[in-house]
C-alpha atoms as a PDB file:
ATOM      1  CA  MET A   1      -7.631  17.102 -13.973  1.00  0.00           C
ATOM      2  CA  SER A   2      -7.481  19.113 -10.771  1.00  0.00           C
ATOM      3  CA  ALA A   3      -7.407  17.544  -7.318  1.00  0.00           C
ATOM      4  CA  PRO A   4     -10.148  17.887  -4.690  1.00  0.00           C
ATOM      5  CA  SER A   5      -9.717  20.562  -2.047  1.00  0.00           C
ATOM      6  CA  PRO A   6      -7.220  19.650   0.683  1.00  0.00           C
ATOM      7  CA  GLY A   7     -10.007  19.169   3.229  1.00  0.00           C
ATOM      8  CA  ALA A   8     -11.617  16.515   1.016  1.00  0.00           C
ATOM      9  CA  LEU A   9      -8.464  14.459   0.543  1.00  0.00           C
ATOM     10  CA  PRO A  10      -7.972  11.156   2.356  1.00  0.00           C
ATOM     11  CA  SER A  11      -5.340  10.997   5.078  1.00  0.00           C
ATOM     12  CA  HIS A  12      -4.329   7.482   4.109  1.00  0.00           C
ATOM     13  CA  VAL A  13      -4.591   5.802   0.711  1.00  0.00           C
ATOM     14  CA  ALA A  14      -3.907   2.089   0.256  1.00  0.00           C
ATOM     15  CA  ILE A  15      -3.450   0.570  -3.200  1.00  0.00           C
ATOM     16  CA  ILE A  16      -3.618  -3.001  -4.499  1.00  0.00           C
ATOM     17  CA  MET A  17      -1.429  -2.706  -7.583  1.00  0.00           C
ATOM     18  CA  ASP A  18      -2.961  -5.411  -9.780  1.00  0.00           C
ATOM     19  CA  GLY A  19      -2.658  -6.211 -13.461  1.00  0.00           C
ATOM     20  CA  ASN A  20       1.072  -6.093 -14.210  1.00  0.00           C
ATOM     21  CA  GLY A  21       1.140  -9.611 -15.622  1.00  0.00           C
ATOM     22  CA  ARG A  22      -1.987  -9.153 -17.728  1.00  0.00           C
ATOM     23  CA  TRP A  23      -0.630  -5.851 -19.073  1.00  0.00           C
ATOM     24  CA  ALA A  24       2.536  -7.645 -20.195  1.00  0.00           C
ATOM     25  CA  LYS A  25       0.652 -10.636 -21.621  1.00  0.00           C
ATOM     26  CA  SER A  26      -1.567  -8.381 -23.723  1.00  0.00           C
ATOM     27  CA  ARG A  27       1.626  -7.036 -25.314  1.00  0.00           C
ATOM     28  CA  ARG A  28       3.256 -10.456 -25.664  1.00  0.00           C
ATOM     29  CA  LEU A  29       5.923  -9.457 -23.171  1.00  0.00           C
ATOM     30  CA  PRO A  30       7.292 -11.435 -20.217  1.00  0.00           C
ATOM     31  CA  ARG A  31       5.464 -10.821 -16.934  1.00  0.00           C
ATOM     32  CA  VAL A  32       8.481  -9.055 -15.443  1.00  0.00           C
ATOM     33  CA  ALA A  33       8.091  -6.344 -18.112  1.00  0.00           C
ATOM     34  CA  GLY A  34       4.752  -5.497 -16.540  1.00  0.00           C
ATOM     35  CA  HIS A  35       6.349  -5.239 -13.118  1.00  0.00           C
ATOM     36  CA  ARG A  36       9.071  -2.957 -14.495  1.00  0.00           C
ATOM     37  CA  GLU A  37       6.496  -0.675 -16.107  1.00  0.00           C
ATOM     38  CA  GLY A  38       4.544  -0.727 -12.854  1.00  0.00           C
ATOM     39  CA  VAL A  39       7.504   0.948 -11.146  1.00  0.00           C
ATOM     40  CA  ASN A  40       6.848   4.033 -13.293  1.00  0.00           C
ATOM     41  CA  SER A  41       3.284   4.119 -12.002  1.00  0.00           C
ATOM     42  CA  VAL A  42       4.560   3.846  -8.430  1.00  0.00           C
ATOM     43  CA  ARG A  43       6.880   6.786  -8.976  1.00  0.00           C
ATOM     44  CA  GLU A  44       4.116   8.965 -10.442  1.00  0.00           C
ATOM     45  CA  ILE A  45       1.558   8.121  -7.753  1.00  0.00           C
ATOM     46  CA  VAL A  46       4.060   8.668  -4.930  1.00  0.00           C
ATOM     47  CA  GLU A  47       5.032  12.038  -6.375  1.00  0.00           C
ATOM     48  CA  THR A  48       1.393  13.048  -6.833  1.00  0.00           C
ATOM     49  CA  ALA A  49       0.435  12.000  -3.303  1.00  0.00           C
ATOM     50  CA  GLY A  50       3.367  13.974  -1.916  1.00  0.00           C
ATOM     51  CA  GLU A  51       2.523  17.062  -3.948  1.00  0.00           C
ATOM     52  CA  LEU A  52      -1.098  16.967  -2.774  1.00  0.00           C
ATOM     53  CA  GLY A  53      -0.077  16.652   0.868  1.00  0.00           C
ATOM     54  CA  ILE A  54      -1.607  13.211   1.458  1.00  0.00           C
ATOM     55  CA  PRO A  55       0.093  12.037   4.668  1.00  0.00           C
ATOM     56  CA  HIS A  56       0.091   8.247   4.153  1.00  0.00           C
ATOM     57  CA  LEU A  57       0.302   5.900   1.162  1.00  0.00           C
ATOM     58  CA  THR A  58       0.476   2.110   1.533  1.00  0.00           C
ATOM     59  CA  LEU A  59       1.255  -0.084  -1.486  1.00  0.00           C
ATOM     60  CA  TYR A  60       0.595  -3.836  -1.644  1.00  0.00           C
ATOM     61  CA  THR A  61       3.956  -4.695  -3.123  1.00  0.00           C
ATOM     62  CA  PHE A  62       4.406  -8.447  -2.539  1.00  0.00           C
ATOM     63  CA  SER A  63       1.971 -10.686  -0.684  1.00  0.00           C
ATOM     64  CA  SER A  64       2.632 -13.742   1.455  1.00  0.00           C
ATOM     65  CA  GLU A  65       0.867 -15.768  -1.245  1.00  0.00           C
ATOM     66  CA  ASN A  66       3.134 -14.390  -3.980  1.00  0.00           C
ATOM     67  CA  TRP A  67       5.896 -16.700  -2.757  1.00  0.00           C
ATOM     68  CA  GLU A  68       3.906 -19.485  -4.484  1.00  0.00           C
ATOM     69  CA  ARG A  69       4.538 -17.965  -7.908  1.00  0.00           C
ATOM     70  CA  PRO A  70       7.154 -19.537 -10.211  1.00  0.00           C
ATOM     71  CA  ALA A  71      10.641 -19.220  -8.754  1.00  0.00           C
ATOM     72  CA  SER A  72      11.868 -17.304 -11.796  1.00  0.00           C
ATOM     73  CA  GLU A  73       9.200 -14.628 -11.348  1.00  0.00           C
ATOM     74  CA  VAL A  74       9.801 -14.351  -7.589  1.00  0.00           C
ATOM     75  CA  SER A  75      13.527 -13.939  -8.212  1.00  0.00           C
ATOM     76  CA  ALA A  76      12.880 -11.274 -10.850  1.00  0.00           C
ATOM     77  CA  LEU A  77      10.542  -9.416  -8.480  1.00  0.00           C
ATOM     78  CA  MET A  78      13.086  -9.465  -5.658  1.00  0.00           C
ATOM     79  CA  ASN A  79      15.811  -8.197  -7.992  1.00  0.00           C
ATOM     80  CA  LEU A  80      13.484  -5.460  -9.234  1.00  0.00           C
ATOM     81  CA  LEU A  81      12.643  -4.491  -5.654  1.00  0.00           C
ATOM     82  CA  LEU A  82      16.307  -4.137  -4.773  1.00  0.00           C
ATOM     83  CA  ALA A  83      17.143  -2.189  -7.939  1.00  0.00           C
ATOM     84  CA  THR A  84      14.166   0.140  -7.435  1.00  0.00           C
ATOM     85  CA  LEU A  85      15.009   0.838  -3.800  1.00  0.00           C
ATOM     86  CA  ARG A  86      18.586   1.696  -4.704  1.00  0.00           C
ATOM     87  CA  SER A  87      17.679   3.880  -7.677  1.00  0.00           C
ATOM     88  CA  GLU A  88      14.788   5.726  -6.006  1.00  0.00           C
ATOM     89  CA  VAL A  89      15.928   6.266  -2.424  1.00  0.00           C
ATOM     90  CA  GLU A  90      17.707   9.583  -3.060  1.00  0.00           C
ATOM     91  CA  ARG A  91      14.759  10.906  -5.067  1.00  0.00           C
ATOM     92  CA  LEU A  92      12.416   9.931  -2.231  1.00  0.00           C
ATOM     93  CA  HIS A  93      14.724  11.532   0.306  1.00  0.00           C
ATOM     94  CA  ARG A  94      14.778  14.807  -1.656  1.00  0.00           C
ATOM     95  CA  LYS A  95      10.974  14.713  -1.782  1.00  0.00           C
ATOM     96  CA  ASN A  96      10.880  14.371   2.034  1.00  0.00           C
ATOM     97  CA  VAL A  97       9.246  10.914   1.770  1.00  0.00           C
ATOM     98  CA  GLN A  98       9.655   8.513   4.674  1.00  0.00           C
ATOM     99  CA  VAL A  99       9.899   4.866   3.575  1.00  0.00           C
ATOM    100  CA  ARG A 100       8.413   2.246   5.857  1.00  0.00           C
ATOM    101  CA  ALA A 101       7.455  -1.417   5.475  1.00  0.00           C
ATOM    102  CA  LEU A 102       4.964  -3.865   6.871  1.00  0.00           C
ATOM    103  CA  GLY A 103       4.986  -7.629   6.597  1.00  0.00           C
ATOM    104  CA  PHE A 104       7.189 -10.563   7.469  1.00  0.00           C
ATOM    105  CA  LEU A 105      10.374  -8.907   6.312  1.00  0.00           C
ATOM    106  CA  ASP A 106      12.639 -11.710   7.530  1.00  0.00           C
ATOM    107  CA  ASP A 107      11.231 -13.798   4.665  1.00  0.00           C
ATOM    108  CA  LEU A 108      12.880 -11.497   2.115  1.00  0.00           C
ATOM    109  CA  PRO A 109      16.232 -12.479   0.593  1.00  0.00           C
ATOM    110  CA  SER A 110      19.199 -10.762   2.196  1.00  0.00           C
ATOM    111  CA  GLY A 111      19.780  -8.321  -0.685  1.00  0.00           C
ATOM    112  CA  PRO A 112      16.286  -6.802  -0.868  1.00  0.00           C
ATOM    113  CA  ARG A 113      15.998  -6.883   2.918  1.00  0.00           C
ATOM    114  CA  LYS A 114      19.223  -4.917   3.263  1.00  0.00           C
ATOM    115  CA  GLY A 115      18.175  -2.468   0.547  1.00  0.00           C
ATOM    116  CA  LEU A 116      14.872  -1.912   2.312  1.00  0.00           C
ATOM    117  CA  GLN A 117      16.571  -1.340   5.648  1.00  0.00           C
ATOM    118  CA  GLU A 118      18.953   1.166   4.062  1.00  0.00           C
ATOM    119  CA  ALA A 119      16.061   3.051   2.411  1.00  0.00           C
ATOM    120  CA  MET A 120      14.151   3.193   5.689  1.00  0.00           C
ATOM    121  CA  GLU A 121      17.212   4.403   7.573  1.00  0.00           C
ATOM    122  CA  ARG A 122      18.042   7.019   4.930  1.00  0.00           C
ATOM    123  CA  THR A 123      14.525   8.499   5.041  1.00  0.00           C
ATOM    124  CA  ARG A 124      13.691   7.912   8.701  1.00  0.00           C
ATOM    125  CA  GLY A 125      13.780  11.585   9.660  1.00  0.00           C
ATOM    126  CA  ASN A 126      11.674  12.828   6.755  1.00  0.00           C
ATOM    127  CA  THR A 127       8.401  14.543   7.628  1.00  0.00           C
ATOM    128  CA  GLY A 128       6.437  14.386   4.362  1.00  0.00           C
ATOM    129  CA  LEU A 129       4.542  11.491   2.832  1.00  0.00           C
ATOM    130  CA  VAL A 130       4.859   8.206   4.727  1.00  0.00           C
ATOM    131  CA  LEU A 131       5.238   5.528   2.038  1.00  0.00           C
ATOM    132  CA  SER A 132       4.609   2.046   3.440  1.00  0.00           C
ATOM    133  CA  LEU A 133       5.493  -0.997   1.347  1.00  0.00           C
ATOM    134  CA  ALA A 134       3.610  -4.191   2.184  1.00  0.00           C
ATOM    135  CA  LEU A 135       6.168  -6.936   1.576  1.00  0.00           C
ATOM    136  CA  SER A 136       5.699 -10.635   2.288  1.00  0.00           C
ATOM    137  CA  TYR A 137       2.449  -9.401   3.770  1.00  0.00           C
ATOM    138  CA  GLY A 138      -0.808 -11.216   4.460  1.00  0.00           C
ATOM    139  CA  SER A 139      -3.537  -9.778   6.652  1.00  0.00           C
ATOM    140  CA  ARG A 140      -4.726 -13.055   8.169  1.00  0.00           C
ATOM    141  CA  GLN A 141      -1.134 -13.894   9.018  1.00  0.00           C
ATOM    142  CA  GLU A 142      -0.691 -10.419  10.511  1.00  0.00           C
ATOM    143  CA  ILE A 143      -3.725 -10.861  12.786  1.00  0.00           C
ATOM    144  CA  VAL A 144      -2.594 -14.325  13.949  1.00  0.00           C
ATOM    145  CA  HIS A 145       0.896 -12.936  14.579  1.00  0.00           C
ATOM    146  CA  ALA A 146      -0.579 -10.074  16.619  1.00  0.00           C
ATOM    147  CA  VAL A 147      -2.722 -12.433  18.710  1.00  0.00           C
ATOM    148  CA  ASN A 148       0.230 -14.705  19.448  1.00  0.00           C
ATOM    149  CA  ARG A 149       2.314 -11.701  20.516  1.00  0.00           C
ATOM    150  CA  LEU A 150      -0.295 -10.325  22.880  1.00  0.00           C
ATOM    151  CA  LEU A 151      -0.837 -13.787  24.396  1.00  0.00           C
ATOM    152  CA  ALA A 152       2.897 -14.130  24.907  1.00  0.00           C
ATOM    153  CA  ASP A 153       2.828 -10.765  26.703  1.00  0.00           C
ATOM    154  CA  GLY A 154       0.308 -12.174  29.159  1.00  0.00           C
ATOM    155  CA  HIS A 155      -2.861 -10.417  28.062  1.00  0.00           C
ATOM    156  CA  GLU A 156      -5.982 -12.328  29.081  1.00  0.00           C
ATOM    157  CA  ARG A 157      -8.636  -9.987  27.678  1.00  0.00           C
ATOM    158  CA  VAL A 158      -8.466  -8.601  24.162  1.00  0.00           C
ATOM    159  CA  THR A 159     -10.051  -5.363  23.005  1.00  0.00           C
ATOM    160  CA  GLU A 160     -10.115  -3.869  19.533  1.00  0.00           C
ATOM    161  CA  GLU A 161      -7.698  -1.187  20.668  1.00  0.00           C
ATOM    162  CA  LEU A 162      -5.275  -3.736  22.135  1.00  0.00           C
ATOM    163  CA  LEU A 163      -5.275  -5.944  19.058  1.00  0.00           C
ATOM    164  CA  SER A 164      -4.825  -2.925  16.805  1.00  0.00           C
ATOM    165  CA  SER A 165      -1.760  -1.909  18.797  1.00  0.00           C
ATOM    166  CA  TYR A 166      -0.083  -5.219  17.950  1.00  0.00           C
ATOM    167  CA  LEU A 167      -0.569  -4.935  14.192  1.00  0.00           C
ATOM    168  CA  PHE A 168       2.168  -3.801  11.810  1.00  0.00           C
ATOM    169  CA  ASN A 169       2.489  -0.002  11.578  1.00  0.00           C
ATOM    170  CA  SER A 170      -0.067   0.344  14.346  1.00  0.00           C
ATOM    171  CA  ASP A 171       0.803   4.009  14.759  1.00  0.00           C
ATOM    172  CA  LEU A 172      -0.685   4.846  11.348  1.00  0.00           C
ATOM    173  CA  PRO A 173      -4.365   5.699  10.822  1.00  0.00           C
ATOM    174  CA  ASP A 174      -6.571   3.177   9.037  1.00  0.00           C
ATOM    175  CA  PRO A 175      -6.850   3.814   5.290  1.00  0.00           C
ATOM    176  CA  ASP A 176      -9.627   6.159   4.213  1.00  0.00           C
ATOM    177  CA  LEU A 177      -9.474   4.994   0.605  1.00  0.00           C
ATOM    178  CA  LEU A 178      -8.497   1.674  -0.986  1.00  0.00           C
ATOM    179  CA  ILE A 179      -7.778   1.677  -4.712  1.00  0.00           C
ATOM    180  CA  ARG A 180      -7.535  -1.566  -6.636  1.00  0.00           C
ATOM    181  CA  THR A 181      -6.420  -1.573 -10.260  1.00  0.00           C
ATOM    182  CA  GLY A 182      -6.943  -4.317 -12.809  1.00  0.00           C
ATOM    183  CA  GLY A 183     -10.718  -4.534 -12.448  1.00  0.00           C
ATOM    184  CA  GLU A 184     -10.852  -7.257  -9.792  1.00  0.00           C
ATOM    185  CA  TYR A 185     -13.296  -6.899  -6.877  1.00  0.00           C
ATOM    186  CA  ARG A 186     -11.537  -8.568  -3.960  1.00  0.00           C
ATOM    187  CA  LEU A 187      -9.263  -7.608  -1.067  1.00  0.00           C
ATOM    188  CA  SER A 188      -6.699 -10.396  -1.588  1.00  0.00           C
ATOM    189  CA  ASN A 189      -5.786 -10.688   2.107  1.00  0.00           C
ATOM    190  CA  PHE A 190      -4.768  -7.028   2.348  1.00  0.00           C
ATOM    191  CA  LEU A 191      -5.337  -4.995   5.537  1.00  0.00           C
ATOM    192  CA  LEU A 192      -8.549  -6.856   6.408  1.00  0.00           C
ATOM    193  CA  TRP A 193      -8.697  -5.415   9.921  1.00  0.00           C
ATOM    194  CA  GLN A 194      -7.704  -1.894   8.928  1.00  0.00           C
ATOM    195  CA  LEU A 195     -10.131  -1.657   5.974  1.00  0.00           C
ATOM    196  CA  ALA A 196     -13.300  -2.085   8.071  1.00  0.00           C
ATOM    197  CA  TYR A 197     -14.680   1.363   7.123  1.00  0.00           C
ATOM    198  CA  THR A 198     -12.479   2.202   4.165  1.00  0.00           C
ATOM    199  CA  GLU A 199     -14.014   3.518   0.944  1.00  0.00           C
ATOM    200  CA  LEU A 200     -13.300   1.235  -2.031  1.00  0.00           C
ATOM    201  CA  HIS A 201     -12.475   2.320  -5.582  1.00  0.00           C
ATOM    202  CA  VAL A 202     -11.855  -0.197  -8.381  1.00  0.00           C
ATOM    203  CA  CYS A 203     -10.190   0.908 -11.603  1.00  0.00           C
ATOM    204  CA  ASP A 204     -10.371  -1.358 -14.657  1.00  0.00           C
ATOM    205  CA  LEU A 205      -6.982  -0.266 -15.953  1.00  0.00           C
ATOM    206  CA  PRO A 206      -4.004  -2.459 -15.061  1.00  0.00           C
ATOM    207  CA  TRP A 207      -1.464  -0.943 -12.695  1.00  0.00           C
ATOM    208  CA  PRO A 208       1.094   0.006 -15.415  1.00  0.00           C
ATOM    209  CA  GLU A 209      -1.574   2.302 -16.926  1.00  0.00           C
ATOM    210  CA  PHE A 210      -2.686   3.840 -13.642  1.00  0.00           C
ATOM    211  CA  ARG A 211      -1.128   7.284 -13.462  1.00  0.00           C
ATOM    212  CA  ARG A 212      -1.800  10.768 -12.100  1.00  0.00           C
ATOM    213  CA  GLU A 213      -5.076  11.263 -14.012  1.00  0.00           C
ATOM    214  CA  GLN A 214      -6.579   8.022 -12.698  1.00  0.00           C
ATOM    215  CA  PHE A 215      -5.354   8.754  -9.178  1.00  0.00           C
ATOM    216  CA  LEU A 216      -6.979  12.184  -9.202  1.00  0.00           C
ATOM    217  CA  GLU A 217     -10.206  10.637 -10.466  1.00  0.00           C
ATOM    218  CA  ALA A 218     -10.190   8.172  -7.540  1.00  0.00           C
ATOM    219  CA  LEU A 219      -9.630  11.045  -5.126  1.00  0.00           C
ATOM    220  CA  LYS A 220     -12.543  12.971  -6.635  1.00  0.00           C
ATOM    221  CA  VAL A 221     -14.817   9.956  -6.267  1.00  0.00           C
ATOM    222  CA  PHE A 222     -13.717   9.673  -2.641  1.00  0.00           C
ATOM    223  CA  ALA A 223     -14.395  13.357  -2.021  1.00  0.00           C
ATOM    224  CA  ASN A 224     -18.018  12.850  -3.092  1.00  0.00           C
ATOM    225  CA  ARG A 225     -18.626   9.881  -0.788  1.00  0.00           C
ATOM    226  CA  GLU A 226     -20.538  10.296   2.469  1.00  0.00           C
ATOM    227  CA  ARG A 227     -18.747   8.339   5.196  1.00  0.00           C
ATOM    228  CA  ARG A 228     -21.316   7.409   7.840  1.00  0.00           C
ATOM    229  CA  PHE A 229     -19.463   4.784   9.914  1.00  0.00           C
ATOM    230  CA  GLY A 230     -22.738   2.997  10.711  1.00  0.00           C
ATOM    231  CA  ARG A 231     -24.721   6.156  11.377  1.00  0.00           C
ATOM    232  CA  THR A 232     -27.459   7.730   9.243  1.00  0.00           C
ATOM    233  CA  SER A 233     -27.215  10.814   7.069  1.00  0.00           C
ATOM    234  CA  GLU A 234     -29.649  12.558   9.405  1.00  0.00           C
ATOM    235  CA  GLN A 235     -27.312  11.987  12.339  1.00  0.00           C
ATOM    236  CA  LEU A 236     -24.405  13.435  10.397  1.00  0.00           C
ATOM    237  CA  HIS A 237     -26.414  16.367   9.062  1.00  0.00           C
ATOM    238  CA  PRO A 238     -29.089  17.208  11.665  1.00  0.00           C
END
């Protein structure tokens, strides 16, 4: 499947990578096997986004609520995060990908936190795809954190622009397209502020089965959407 023309591509794609556990369960495998297979999907989607020239890709990697999962699964996820960062950082660097993160990173164990910091430092000067990993991230928590920061800075009147400037990765554009795999129709506390006018695409396949073909299909669907931002079609096409 070919990609849409460059002018029809989104500038920023966000993805809720859902369905790893269900993929593993359907194969009578431990849940962590689904997460491991999901890493292969991450690699393929990152490479595809970079090849197409999409500037920004944000992946919902580990939510604030995920800390409530069984300790054994959380530990396995943190170990997988560290191993993936270490094994992929040179590949990402060669591909000119800049690794960034958003979330409450101090909540991460020291090993994954250090691995993340090293990956970000190694790729800081890269000028290609900006890959943002949402880790220990929750959008409601992000908004409350932003409000508390701006109050502490002495602001008495809040505007949309001011609040936006206090959010994580505030220098990035809002996502144009949100993809959710696994067939669920909810945002799961992900980028609630930033997704106000984002186009949504839900794929029934679990994340470990979401690869280049499905990504291109989502981009084609996006290319055929009319984004009106509250206006009418007649205003956009007088």
